[in-house]
Amino acid sequence: MDICIKKNLVATCSIDKTVRIWNNSNPPVLEICELFNDEAYSLAFHPSGFHLIVGFTDRVRMMNVFKDSLKPF
């Protein structure tokens, strides 16, 4: 899990091979849910909230965070 400093966003990765971006409002709202072929073990937001680094077993991917999706950079 990681929290974005400048935006009200929280990113989580799970054993179900998803990376989820949550709007940390009250109540929290799921903004993005991306399913991958491999399980993600770690992730980190860029302070701007526009980029996300996701660590898998064999690689690290940089993702661009858009309104409704994550796109590999």
Protein backbone atom coordinates (compact mmCIF):
# COMPACT_ATOMS: atom_id res chain seq x y z
CA MET A 1 0.00 0.00 0.00
CA ASP A 2 1.15 3.55 -0.69
CA ILE A 3 -0.41 6.97 -0.19
CA CYS A 4 0.00 9.87 -2.61
CA ILE A 5 1.24 13.07 -0.99
CA LYS A 6 -0.36 15.64 -3.31
CA LYS A 7 -3.60 13.85 -4.20
CA ASN A 8 -6.13 12.07 -2.03
CA LEU A 9 -5.19 8.65 -3.47
CA VAL A 10 -4.20 5.29 -1.99
CA ALA A 11 -2.75 2.41 -4.06
CA THR A 12 -2.98 -1.24 -3.02
CA CYS A 13 -1.79 -4.51 -4.52
CA SER A 14 -3.23 -7.90 -3.66
CA ILE A 15 -2.77 -11.63 -3.97
CA ASP A 16 -5.65 -11.67 -6.52
CA LYS A 17 -3.25 -10.05 -9.07
CA THR A 18 -4.92 -6.64 -8.95
CA VAL A 19 -3.61 -3.14 -8.39
CA ARG A 20 -6.28 -0.78 -7.09
CA ILE A 21 -6.29 2.99 -6.81
CA TRP A 22 -8.66 4.35 -4.18
CA ASN A 23 -9.91 7.89 -3.64
CA ASN A 24 -9.39 8.36 0.08
CA SER A 25 -12.57 10.37 0.60
CA ASN A 26 -15.17 9.54 3.22
CA PRO A 27 -16.21 6.81 2.37
CA PRO A 28 -13.29 5.56 0.22
CA VAL A 29 -14.17 5.07 -3.47
CA LEU A 30 -12.49 2.64 -5.86
CA GLU A 31 -11.21 4.68 -8.82
CA ILE A 32 -9.14 2.11 -10.80
CA CYS A 33 -8.82 -1.68 -10.66
CA GLU A 34 -6.28 -3.29 -13.03
CA LEU A 35 -5.79 -7.06 -13.31
CA PHE A 36 -2.30 -8.36 -14.20
CA ASN A 37 -0.97 -11.77 -15.20
CA ASP A 38 1.43 -11.85 -12.24
CA GLU A 39 1.00 -11.00 -8.58
CA ALA A 40 2.31 -7.56 -7.60
CA TYR A 41 4.40 -7.54 -4.41
CA SER A 42 5.08 -3.85 -3.96
CA LEU A 43 4.16 -0.44 -5.31
CA ALA A 44 4.98 3.23 -4.82
CA PHE A 45 3.39 6.48 -5.97
CA HIS A 46 5.33 9.35 -7.45
CA PRO A 47 4.62 12.41 -5.25
CA SER A 48 2.62 13.98 -8.11
CA GLY A 49 0.21 11.02 -8.26
CA PHE A 50 0.59 10.69 -12.04
CA HIS A 51 3.01 7.71 -11.95
CA LEU A 52 3.12 4.41 -10.09
CA ILE A 53 5.96 1.89 -9.78
CA VAL A 54 4.78 -1.73 -9.41
CA GLY A 55 7.12 -4.55 -8.39
CA PHE A 56 6.45 -8.05 -9.68
CA THR A 57 8.51 -11.24 -9.11
CA ASP A 58 10.59 -10.80 -12.26
CA ARG A 59 10.38 -7.09 -13.13
CA VAL A 60 9.51 -3.58 -12.02
CA ARG A 61 7.04 -1.60 -14.15
CA MET A 62 6.39 2.10 -14.29
CA MET A 63 2.73 2.94 -14.90
CA ASN A 64 1.04 6.18 -15.86
CA VAL A 65 -2.09 6.82 -13.81
CA PHE A 66 -5.00 8.06 -15.93
CA LYS A 67 -8.57 8.83 -14.91
CA ASP A 68 -9.86 5.28 -15.38
CA SER A 69 -6.83 3.08 -16.09
CA LEU A 70 -3.14 2.34 -15.60
CA LYS A 71 -0.95 2.26 -18.69
CA PRO A 72 2.61 0.84 -18.80
CA PHE A 73 5.24 3.47 -19.53
